[in-house]
Amino acid sequence: MGQLIDDLLAFSKLGRKEVTVSNINMKVLVKSVKDDLLFDDKENKTEFKVDTLPPAKGDQSLIKQVWINLISNAIKYSKNKPGAIVEIGASEKGNEIVYYVKDNGAGFDMQYYDKLFGVFQRLHSQEEFEGTGIGLAIVQKIVSRHKGAVWAESILDKGATFYFSLPDINS
């Protein structure tokens, strides 16, 4: 219950927090998040593949939270698979960079996609995977405040890929 209250407070504060835009070295930021999450993962069964991550413009503390939520979800939903792999990368599309986090874990049924980024909308049971159902709503709110977009693709029991876009540092 305490975690749920903390997550709700964090979600509500996002609408009021001023976005301070600076250049973000995504390679350094993602390495920091990955190292922190793996330090907390005592079993450390997840293999990571990190591709080139171009810099972007944004609020570093908020974008760090996006990476924390997406990478921790990828680890969480892959932990029951032997040979868990999380891939992180990006591509340039016009005046924006599209980043992604892909896993080979539980995935979800795309039929329920419309519930994915809603508060308290869980596509897996609490018994199967812990969580409060707020993490992806936080991701969407942060990315939206950066004038970007967030979306996902998945196949049930085959994994999921979450994407988000941010302005290109050169635009």
N, C-alpha and C. Protein backbone atom coordinates (compact mmCIF):
# COMPACT_ATOMS: atom_id res chain seq x y z
N MET A 1 0.83 -1.19 0.00
CA MET A 1 0.00 0.00 0.00
C MET A 1 0.87 1.26 0.00
N GLY A 2 1.97 1.21 0.75
CA GLY A 2 2.89 2.35 0.79
C GLY A 2 3.47 2.65 -0.58
N GLN A 3 3.84 1.62 -1.33
CA GLN A 3 4.39 1.80 -2.67
C GLN A 3 3.34 2.40 -3.60
N LEU A 4 2.12 1.95 -3.46
CA LEU A 4 1.03 2.48 -4.28
C LEU A 4 0.84 3.98 -4.03
N ILE A 5 0.84 4.37 -2.78
CA ILE A 5 0.68 5.79 -2.42
C ILE A 5 1.84 6.61 -2.97
N ASP A 6 3.07 6.09 -2.81
CA ASP A 6 4.25 6.78 -3.36
C ASP A 6 4.13 6.95 -4.87
N ASP A 7 3.70 5.90 -5.57
CA ASP A 7 3.56 5.97 -7.03
C ASP A 7 2.48 6.97 -7.44
N LEU A 8 1.37 6.99 -6.71
CA LEU A 8 0.30 7.95 -7.01
C LEU A 8 0.76 9.39 -6.80
N LEU A 9 1.52 9.61 -5.74
CA LEU A 9 2.05 10.96 -5.49
C LEU A 9 3.02 11.37 -6.59
N ALA A 10 3.88 10.45 -6.99
CA ALA A 10 4.83 10.75 -8.07
C ALA A 10 4.08 11.07 -9.36
N PHE A 11 3.04 10.32 -9.64
CA PHE A 11 2.25 10.55 -10.85
C PHE A 11 1.58 11.92 -10.82
N SER A 12 1.01 12.28 -9.68
CA SER A 12 0.31 13.56 -9.58
C SER A 12 1.28 14.74 -9.65
N LYS A 13 2.48 14.59 -9.14
CA LYS A 13 3.48 15.67 -9.17
C LYS A 13 4.01 15.92 -10.57
N LEU A 14 3.94 14.92 -11.44
CA LEU A 14 4.47 15.07 -12.80
C LEU A 14 3.82 16.20 -13.56
N GLY A 15 2.55 16.43 -13.33
CA GLY A 15 1.83 17.48 -14.04
C GLY A 15 2.27 18.88 -13.61
N ARG A 16 2.85 19.00 -12.43
CA ARG A 16 3.25 20.30 -11.91
C ARG A 16 4.74 20.56 -12.04
N LYS A 17 5.54 19.51 -12.20
CA LYS A 17 6.99 19.70 -12.26
C LYS A 17 7.38 20.38 -13.56
N GLU A 18 8.18 21.42 -13.43
CA GLU A 18 8.65 22.13 -14.63
C GLU A 18 9.69 21.26 -15.33
N VAL A 19 9.58 21.19 -16.64
CA VAL A 19 10.51 20.41 -17.44
C VAL A 19 11.71 21.31 -17.78
N THR A 20 12.88 20.94 -17.29
CA THR A 20 14.11 21.67 -17.55
C THR A 20 14.85 20.94 -18.66
N VAL A 21 14.91 21.57 -19.82
CA VAL A 21 15.48 20.91 -21.00
C VAL A 21 16.99 21.16 -21.10
N SER A 22 17.71 20.06 -21.29
CA SER A 22 19.15 20.12 -21.54
C SER A 22 19.50 18.96 -22.46
N ASN A 23 20.71 18.92 -22.91
CA ASN A 23 21.17 17.80 -23.73
C ASN A 23 21.44 16.61 -22.80
N ILE A 24 20.98 15.45 -23.20
CA ILE A 24 21.12 14.24 -22.37
C ILE A 24 21.99 13.23 -23.12
N ASN A 25 23.03 12.76 -22.44
CA ASN A 25 23.87 11.69 -22.96
C ASN A 25 23.16 10.38 -22.59
N MET A 26 22.40 9.85 -23.52
CA MET A 26 21.58 8.66 -23.25
C MET A 26 22.43 7.43 -22.95
N LYS A 27 23.57 7.31 -23.57
CA LYS A 27 24.44 6.15 -23.33
C LYS A 27 24.83 6.09 -21.86
N VAL A 28 25.25 7.21 -21.30
CA VAL A 28 25.65 7.28 -19.89
C VAL A 28 24.44 7.07 -18.98
N LEU A 29 23.33 7.70 -19.33
CA LEU A 29 22.12 7.58 -18.50
C LEU A 29 21.62 6.14 -18.44
N VAL A 30 21.55 5.48 -19.58
CA VAL A 30 21.06 4.09 -19.62
C VAL A 30 22.02 3.16 -18.89
N LYS A 31 23.33 3.37 -19.04
CA LYS A 31 24.30 2.53 -18.33
C LYS A 31 24.12 2.67 -16.82
N SER A 32 23.90 3.88 -16.35
CA SER A 32 23.68 4.13 -14.93
C SER A 32 22.42 3.41 -14.43
N VAL A 33 21.33 3.53 -15.18
CA VAL A 33 20.07 2.87 -14.80
C VAL A 33 20.24 1.36 -14.81
N LYS A 34 20.83 0.83 -15.87
CA LYS A 34 21.03 -0.62 -15.99
C LYS A 34 21.89 -1.15 -14.84
N ASP A 35 22.98 -0.45 -14.54
CA ASP A 35 23.86 -0.88 -13.44
C ASP A 35 23.13 -0.87 -12.10
N ASP A 36 22.33 0.17 -11.86
CA ASP A 36 21.56 0.24 -10.60
C ASP A 36 20.56 -0.90 -10.51
N LEU A 37 19.85 -1.17 -11.60
CA LEU A 37 18.83 -2.22 -11.58
C LEU A 37 19.47 -3.60 -11.45
N LEU A 38 20.59 -3.82 -12.09
CA LEU A 38 21.26 -5.12 -11.98
C LEU A 38 21.87 -5.32 -10.61
N PHE A 39 22.29 -4.23 -9.97
CA PHE A 39 22.81 -4.32 -8.62
C PHE A 39 21.73 -4.81 -7.67
N ASP A 40 20.49 -4.38 -7.91
CA ASP A 40 19.35 -4.80 -7.08
C ASP A 40 18.85 -6.19 -7.45
N ASP A 41 19.21 -6.70 -8.62
CA ASP A 41 18.77 -8.01 -9.09
C ASP A 41 19.81 -9.05 -8.69
N LYS A 42 19.59 -9.67 -7.57
CA LYS A 42 20.59 -10.61 -7.02
C LYS A 42 20.80 -11.82 -7.93
N GLU A 43 19.76 -12.25 -8.62
CA GLU A 43 19.89 -13.41 -9.50
C GLU A 43 20.64 -13.06 -10.77
N ASN A 44 20.48 -11.81 -11.23
CA ASN A 44 21.24 -11.28 -12.36
C ASN A 44 21.24 -12.23 -13.56
N LYS A 45 20.05 -12.71 -13.94
CA LYS A 45 19.93 -13.68 -15.03
C LYS A 45 19.70 -13.01 -16.38
N THR A 46 19.54 -11.71 -16.42
CA THR A 46 19.17 -11.02 -17.64
C THR A 46 20.41 -10.63 -18.44
N GLU A 47 20.39 -10.96 -19.73
CA GLU A 47 21.45 -10.51 -20.64
C GLU A 47 21.00 -9.21 -21.29
N PHE A 48 21.91 -8.24 -21.35
CA PHE A 48 21.60 -6.95 -21.97
C PHE A 48 22.37 -6.78 -23.25
N LYS A 49 21.67 -6.22 -24.25
CA LYS A 49 22.30 -5.83 -25.50
C LYS A 49 21.93 -4.36 -25.71
N VAL A 50 22.93 -3.49 -25.63
CA VAL A 50 22.67 -2.06 -25.77
C VAL A 50 23.34 -1.58 -27.05
N ASP A 51 22.53 -1.04 -27.93
CA ASP A 51 22.98 -0.52 -29.22
C ASP A 51 23.32 0.97 -29.05
N THR A 52 23.61 1.62 -30.14
CA THR A 52 23.92 3.05 -30.14
C THR A 52 22.72 3.83 -29.61
N LEU A 53 22.98 4.79 -28.73
CA LEU A 53 21.93 5.62 -28.15
C LEU A 53 22.29 7.09 -28.38
N PRO A 54 21.74 7.71 -29.42
CA PRO A 54 22.05 9.11 -29.68
C PRO A 54 21.56 10.01 -28.54
N PRO A 55 22.21 11.15 -28.35
CA PRO A 55 21.75 12.09 -27.32
C PRO A 55 20.41 12.70 -27.73
N ALA A 56 19.71 13.26 -26.75
CA ALA A 56 18.42 13.91 -27.01
C ALA A 56 18.29 15.13 -26.12
N LYS A 57 17.22 15.87 -26.31
CA LYS A 57 16.90 17.01 -25.46
C LYS A 57 15.81 16.59 -24.50
N GLY A 58 15.96 17.00 -23.24
CA GLY A 58 14.92 16.69 -22.27
C GLY A 58 15.36 17.00 -20.86
N ASP A 59 14.49 16.69 -19.93
CA ASP A 59 14.78 16.83 -18.50
C ASP A 59 15.40 15.52 -18.05
N GLN A 60 16.68 15.55 -17.72
CA GLN A 60 17.41 14.32 -17.44
C GLN A 60 16.79 13.50 -16.32
N SER A 61 16.34 14.15 -15.25
CA SER A 61 15.77 13.37 -14.13
C SER A 61 14.47 12.69 -14.54
N LEU A 62 13.67 13.36 -15.35
CA LEU A 62 12.43 12.74 -15.81
C LEU A 62 12.69 11.62 -16.80
N ILE A 63 13.60 11.84 -17.73
CA ILE A 63 13.92 10.81 -18.72
C ILE A 63 14.57 9.61 -18.03
N LYS A 64 15.32 9.85 -16.99
CA LYS A 64 15.89 8.74 -16.22
C LYS A 64 14.77 7.87 -15.67
N GLN A 65 13.69 8.49 -15.20
CA GLN A 65 12.55 7.73 -14.67
C GLN A 65 11.90 6.89 -15.77
N VAL A 66 11.83 7.42 -16.98
CA VAL A 66 11.30 6.66 -18.11
C VAL A 66 12.14 5.39 -18.30
N TRP A 67 13.47 5.56 -18.35
CA TRP A 67 14.35 4.39 -18.53
C TRP A 67 14.22 3.41 -17.36
N ILE A 68 14.15 3.92 -16.14
CA ILE A 68 14.00 3.03 -14.97
C ILE A 68 12.73 2.19 -15.12
N ASN A 69 11.61 2.83 -15.45
CA ASN A 69 10.35 2.10 -15.56
C ASN A 69 10.38 1.08 -16.69
N LEU A 70 10.88 1.48 -17.85
CA LEU A 70 10.87 0.56 -18.99
C LEU A 70 11.86 -0.60 -18.81
N ILE A 71 13.06 -0.30 -18.34
CA ILE A 71 14.06 -1.37 -18.17
C ILE A 71 13.66 -2.30 -17.03
N SER A 72 13.16 -1.75 -15.93
CA SER A 72 12.76 -2.63 -14.81
C SER A 72 11.57 -3.50 -15.22
N ASN A 73 10.65 -2.97 -16.03
CA ASN A 73 9.56 -3.80 -16.54
C ASN A 73 10.10 -4.93 -17.42
N ALA A 74 11.04 -4.61 -18.29
CA ALA A 74 11.62 -5.63 -19.17
C ALA A 74 12.27 -6.74 -18.35
N ILE A 75 12.99 -6.37 -17.30
CA ILE A 75 13.61 -7.37 -16.41
C ILE A 75 12.52 -8.18 -15.71
N LYS A 76 11.54 -7.49 -15.15
CA LYS A 76 10.47 -8.16 -14.39
C LYS A 76 9.70 -9.16 -15.25
N TYR A 77 9.30 -8.74 -16.44
CA TYR A 77 8.46 -9.60 -17.27
C TYR A 77 9.26 -10.66 -18.03
N SER A 78 10.58 -10.62 -17.92
CA SER A 78 11.43 -11.64 -18.56
C SER A 78 12.04 -12.61 -17.56
N LYS A 79 11.93 -12.30 -16.28
CA LYS A 79 12.68 -13.06 -15.27
C LYS A 79 12.32 -14.55 -15.22
N ASN A 80 11.13 -14.92 -15.66
CA ASN A 80 10.73 -16.32 -15.61
C ASN A 80 11.13 -17.10 -16.86
N LYS A 81 11.72 -16.42 -17.82
CA LYS A 81 12.15 -17.06 -19.07
C LYS A 81 13.61 -17.45 -18.97
N PRO A 82 13.94 -18.69 -19.36
CA PRO A 82 15.37 -19.01 -19.45
C PRO A 82 15.95 -18.23 -20.62
N GLY A 83 17.14 -17.69 -20.44
CA GLY A 83 17.76 -16.91 -21.51
C GLY A 83 17.11 -15.56 -21.70
N ALA A 84 16.77 -14.89 -20.59
CA ALA A 84 16.14 -13.57 -20.66
C ALA A 84 17.10 -12.56 -21.30
N ILE A 85 16.59 -11.86 -22.31
CA ILE A 85 17.38 -10.85 -23.02
C ILE A 85 16.61 -9.55 -23.08
N VAL A 86 17.29 -8.46 -22.77
CA VAL A 86 16.73 -7.12 -22.90
C VAL A 86 17.61 -6.36 -23.88
N GLU A 87 16.97 -5.84 -24.92
CA GLU A 87 17.69 -5.06 -25.94
C GLU A 87 17.25 -3.60 -25.83
N ILE A 88 18.23 -2.71 -25.91
CA ILE A 88 17.97 -1.28 -25.82
C ILE A 88 18.66 -0.61 -27.00
N GLY A 89 17.94 0.26 -27.69
CA GLY A 89 18.52 0.91 -28.85
C GLY A 89 17.71 2.12 -29.26
N ALA A 90 18.04 2.65 -30.44
CA ALA A 90 17.37 3.85 -30.93
C ALA A 90 17.55 3.97 -32.43
N SER A 91 16.70 4.81 -33.01
CA SER A 91 16.84 5.16 -34.42
C SER A 91 16.40 6.60 -34.59
N GLU A 92 16.94 7.26 -35.60
CA GLU A 92 16.57 8.65 -35.87
C GLU A 92 15.47 8.66 -36.90
N LYS A 93 14.41 9.42 -36.62
CA LYS A 93 13.27 9.55 -37.53
C LYS A 93 12.93 11.03 -37.64
N GLY A 94 13.35 11.65 -38.72
CA GLY A 94 13.07 13.07 -38.92
C GLY A 94 13.74 13.91 -37.85
N ASN A 95 12.96 14.71 -37.14
CA ASN A 95 13.48 15.59 -36.09
C ASN A 95 13.39 14.98 -34.70
N GLU A 96 13.30 13.67 -34.64
CA GLU A 96 13.22 13.02 -33.33
C GLU A 96 14.03 11.74 -33.30
N ILE A 97 14.29 11.31 -32.09
CA ILE A 97 14.97 10.03 -31.85
C ILE A 97 13.93 9.10 -31.25
N VAL A 98 13.85 7.89 -31.76
CA VAL A 98 12.95 6.88 -31.21
C VAL A 98 13.81 5.86 -30.47
N TYR A 99 13.61 5.77 -29.16
CA TYR A 99 14.33 4.82 -28.31
C TYR A 99 13.42 3.62 -28.06
N TYR A 100 14.04 2.47 -27.78
CA TYR A 100 13.22 1.29 -27.49
C TYR A 100 13.87 0.41 -26.43
N VAL A 101 13.01 -0.34 -25.75
CA VAL A 101 13.42 -1.38 -24.80
C VAL A 101 12.62 -2.62 -25.20
N LYS A 102 13.33 -3.66 -25.56
CA LYS A 102 12.70 -4.90 -26.05
C LYS A 102 13.10 -6.05 -25.14
N ASP A 103 12.14 -6.92 -24.84
CA ASP A 103 12.44 -8.10 -24.04
C ASP A 103 11.82 -9.33 -24.69
N ASN A 104 12.24 -10.49 -24.23
CA ASN A 104 11.68 -11.75 -24.73
C ASN A 104 10.86 -12.44 -23.64
N GLY A 105 10.18 -11.63 -22.84
CA GLY A 105 9.45 -12.14 -21.68
C GLY A 105 8.00 -12.49 -21.94
N ALA A 106 7.16 -12.18 -20.96
CA ALA A 106 5.76 -12.59 -20.96
C ALA A 106 4.93 -11.93 -22.06
N GLY A 107 5.29 -10.71 -22.44
CA GLY A 107 4.50 -10.01 -23.45
C GLY A 107 3.09 -9.75 -22.96
N PHE A 108 2.25 -9.26 -23.86
CA PHE A 108 0.85 -9.03 -23.54
C PHE A 108 0.03 -9.16 -24.81
N ASP A 109 -1.25 -9.34 -24.63
CA ASP A 109 -2.18 -9.48 -25.75
C ASP A 109 -2.52 -8.08 -26.27
N MET A 110 -2.18 -7.81 -27.54
CA MET A 110 -2.41 -6.49 -28.14
C MET A 110 -3.89 -6.09 -28.14
N GLN A 111 -4.77 -7.05 -27.96
CA GLN A 111 -6.20 -6.76 -27.87
C GLN A 111 -6.49 -5.79 -26.71
N TYR A 112 -5.64 -5.80 -25.68
CA TYR A 112 -5.83 -4.96 -24.50
C TYR A 112 -4.92 -3.74 -24.50
N TYR A 113 -4.36 -3.41 -25.65
CA TYR A 113 -3.41 -2.31 -25.78
C TYR A 113 -3.94 -1.00 -25.20
N ASP A 114 -5.21 -0.71 -25.40
CA ASP A 114 -5.79 0.56 -24.95
C ASP A 114 -5.72 0.73 -23.43
N LYS A 115 -5.51 -0.33 -22.69
CA LYS A 115 -5.42 -0.25 -21.23
C LYS A 115 -3.98 -0.05 -20.76
N LEU A 116 -3.03 -0.25 -21.64
CA LEU A 116 -1.62 -0.35 -21.28
C LEU A 116 -1.06 0.84 -20.51
N PHE A 117 -1.39 2.06 -20.92
CA PHE A 117 -0.79 3.25 -20.32
C PHE A 117 -1.71 3.94 -19.32
N GLY A 118 -2.76 3.27 -18.91
CA GLY A 118 -3.70 3.83 -17.94
C GLY A 118 -3.28 3.54 -16.51
N VAL A 119 -3.66 4.43 -15.60
CA VAL A 119 -3.39 4.22 -14.18
C VAL A 119 -4.20 3.02 -13.69
N PHE A 120 -3.56 2.13 -12.96
CA PHE A 120 -4.13 0.91 -12.40
C PHE A 120 -4.55 -0.11 -13.44
N GLN A 121 -4.12 0.05 -14.66
CA GLN A 121 -4.49 -0.91 -15.71
C GLN A 121 -3.38 -1.94 -15.84
N ARG A 122 -3.61 -3.09 -15.31
CA ARG A 122 -2.62 -4.17 -15.35
C ARG A 122 -3.10 -5.24 -16.32
N LEU A 123 -2.16 -5.77 -17.09
CA LEU A 123 -2.50 -6.83 -18.04
C LEU A 123 -2.07 -8.21 -17.53
N HIS A 124 -1.41 -8.23 -16.38
CA HIS A 124 -1.02 -9.48 -15.73
C HIS A 124 -1.44 -9.39 -14.26
N SER A 125 -1.68 -10.52 -13.64
CA SER A 125 -2.14 -10.51 -12.25
C SER A 125 -1.00 -10.11 -11.30
N GLN A 126 -1.42 -9.60 -10.14
CA GLN A 126 -0.47 -9.22 -9.10
C GLN A 126 0.32 -10.44 -8.62
N GLU A 127 -0.32 -11.61 -8.63
CA GLU A 127 0.36 -12.83 -8.20
C GLU A 127 1.45 -13.23 -9.19
N GLU A 128 1.19 -12.97 -10.46
CA GLU A 128 2.15 -13.34 -11.49
C GLU A 128 3.33 -12.37 -11.54
N PHE A 129 3.03 -11.07 -11.50
CA PHE A 129 4.05 -10.03 -11.55
C PHE A 129 3.66 -8.90 -10.62
N GLU A 130 4.56 -8.55 -9.69
CA GLU A 130 4.29 -7.47 -8.74
C GLU A 130 4.24 -6.12 -9.46
N GLY A 131 3.66 -5.14 -8.78
CA GLY A 131 3.62 -3.79 -9.33
C GLY A 131 2.33 -3.10 -8.96
N THR A 132 2.32 -1.79 -9.19
CA THR A 132 1.14 -0.99 -8.81
C THR A 132 0.28 -0.59 -10.00
N GLY A 133 0.76 -0.79 -11.21
CA GLY A 133 -0.03 -0.43 -12.39
C GLY A 133 0.05 1.04 -12.73
N ILE A 134 1.10 1.71 -12.26
CA ILE A 134 1.25 3.14 -12.52
C ILE A 134 2.48 3.45 -13.37
N GLY A 135 3.42 2.54 -13.45
CA GLY A 135 4.70 2.79 -14.12
C GLY A 135 4.58 3.25 -15.55
N LEU A 136 3.76 2.60 -16.36
CA LEU A 136 3.64 2.99 -17.76
C LEU A 136 2.85 4.28 -17.92
N ALA A 137 1.94 4.56 -17.00
CA ALA A 137 1.22 5.84 -17.03
C ALA A 137 2.21 6.98 -16.76
N ILE A 138 3.16 6.75 -15.85
CA ILE A 138 4.20 7.74 -15.57
C ILE A 138 5.07 7.94 -16.81
N VAL A 139 5.44 6.85 -17.47
CA VAL A 139 6.24 6.95 -18.69
C VAL A 139 5.51 7.81 -19.72
N GLN A 140 4.25 7.52 -19.94
CA GLN A 140 3.49 8.26 -20.95
C GLN A 140 3.40 9.74 -20.60
N LYS A 141 3.17 10.05 -19.33
CA LYS A 141 3.04 11.45 -18.92
C LYS A 141 4.35 12.20 -19.11
N ILE A 142 5.47 11.58 -18.75
CA ILE A 142 6.78 12.22 -18.91
C ILE A 142 7.08 12.46 -20.38
N VAL A 143 6.91 11.45 -21.19
CA VAL A 143 7.22 11.57 -22.62
C VAL A 143 6.30 12.61 -23.27
N SER A 144 5.05 12.63 -22.90
CA SER A 144 4.11 13.61 -23.43
C SER A 144 4.54 15.03 -23.06
N ARG A 145 5.01 15.22 -21.84
CA ARG A 145 5.47 16.54 -21.41
C ARG A 145 6.71 16.97 -22.18
N HIS A 146 7.40 16.03 -22.81
CA HIS A 146 8.57 16.32 -23.66
C HIS A 146 8.17 16.43 -25.13
N LYS A 147 6.88 16.46 -25.40
CA LYS A 147 6.34 16.54 -26.77
C LYS A 147 6.74 15.34 -27.62
N GLY A 148 6.85 14.20 -26.95
CA GLY A 148 7.15 12.95 -27.63
C GLY A 148 5.96 12.02 -27.58
N ALA A 149 6.18 10.81 -28.03
CA ALA A 149 5.13 9.79 -28.03
C ALA A 149 5.68 8.50 -27.42
N VAL A 150 4.79 7.66 -26.95
CA VAL A 150 5.16 6.35 -26.41
C VAL A 150 4.17 5.33 -26.95
N TRP A 151 4.69 4.16 -27.31
CA TRP A 151 3.83 3.09 -27.83
C TRP A 151 4.54 1.76 -27.62
N ALA A 152 3.83 0.68 -27.91
CA ALA A 152 4.38 -0.66 -27.67
C ALA A 152 3.86 -1.65 -28.70
N GLU A 153 4.61 -2.73 -28.84
CA GLU A 153 4.21 -3.87 -29.66
C GLU A 153 4.52 -5.12 -28.84
N SER A 154 3.69 -6.13 -29.00
CA SER A 154 3.92 -7.34 -28.22
C SER A 154 3.22 -8.55 -28.82
N ILE A 155 3.76 -9.70 -28.48
CA ILE A 155 3.11 -10.98 -28.75
C ILE A 155 3.12 -11.72 -27.41
N LEU A 156 1.96 -12.17 -26.98
CA LEU A 156 1.83 -12.86 -25.71
C LEU A 156 2.81 -14.03 -25.65
N ASP A 157 3.54 -14.13 -24.55
CA ASP A 157 4.54 -15.17 -24.28
C ASP A 157 5.78 -15.08 -25.17
N LYS A 158 5.91 -14.03 -25.96
CA LYS A 158 7.09 -13.87 -26.83
C LYS A 158 7.86 -12.59 -26.53
N GLY A 159 7.30 -11.71 -25.70
CA GLY A 159 8.01 -10.48 -25.36
C GLY A 159 7.29 -9.23 -25.82
N ALA A 160 7.89 -8.10 -25.49
CA ALA A 160 7.31 -6.80 -25.82
C ALA A 160 8.42 -5.82 -26.17
N THR A 161 8.06 -4.83 -26.95
CA THR A 161 8.97 -3.72 -27.25
C THR A 161 8.23 -2.43 -26.96
N PHE A 162 8.84 -1.60 -26.12
CA PHE A 162 8.29 -0.29 -25.79
C PHE A 162 9.15 0.78 -26.44
N TYR A 163 8.50 1.72 -27.08
CA TYR A 163 9.17 2.80 -27.80
C TYR A 163 8.78 4.13 -27.18
N PHE A 164 9.71 5.09 -27.24
CA PHE A 164 9.35 6.48 -26.94
C PHE A 164 10.22 7.40 -27.79
N SER A 165 9.64 8.52 -28.15
CA SER A 165 10.36 9.47 -28.99
C SER A 165 10.62 10.77 -28.24
N LEU A 166 11.75 11.39 -28.57
CA LEU A 166 12.15 12.68 -28.00
C LEU A 166 12.73 13.54 -29.11
N PRO A 167 12.73 14.85 -28.94
CA PRO A 167 13.32 15.71 -29.96
C PRO A 167 14.80 15.39 -30.17
N ASP A 168 15.22 15.42 -31.43
CA ASP A 168 16.62 15.22 -31.79
C ASP A 168 17.43 16.40 -31.25
N ILE A 169 18.59 16.12 -30.71
CA ILE A 169 19.45 17.16 -30.13
C ILE A 169 19.87 18.18 -31.19
N ASN A 170 19.87 17.77 -32.46
CA ASN A 170 20.32 18.67 -33.53
C ASN A 170 19.20 19.47 -34.17
N SER A 171 17.96 19.29 -33.68
CA SER A 171 16.85 20.02 -34.32
C SER A 171 16.45 21.25 -33.52
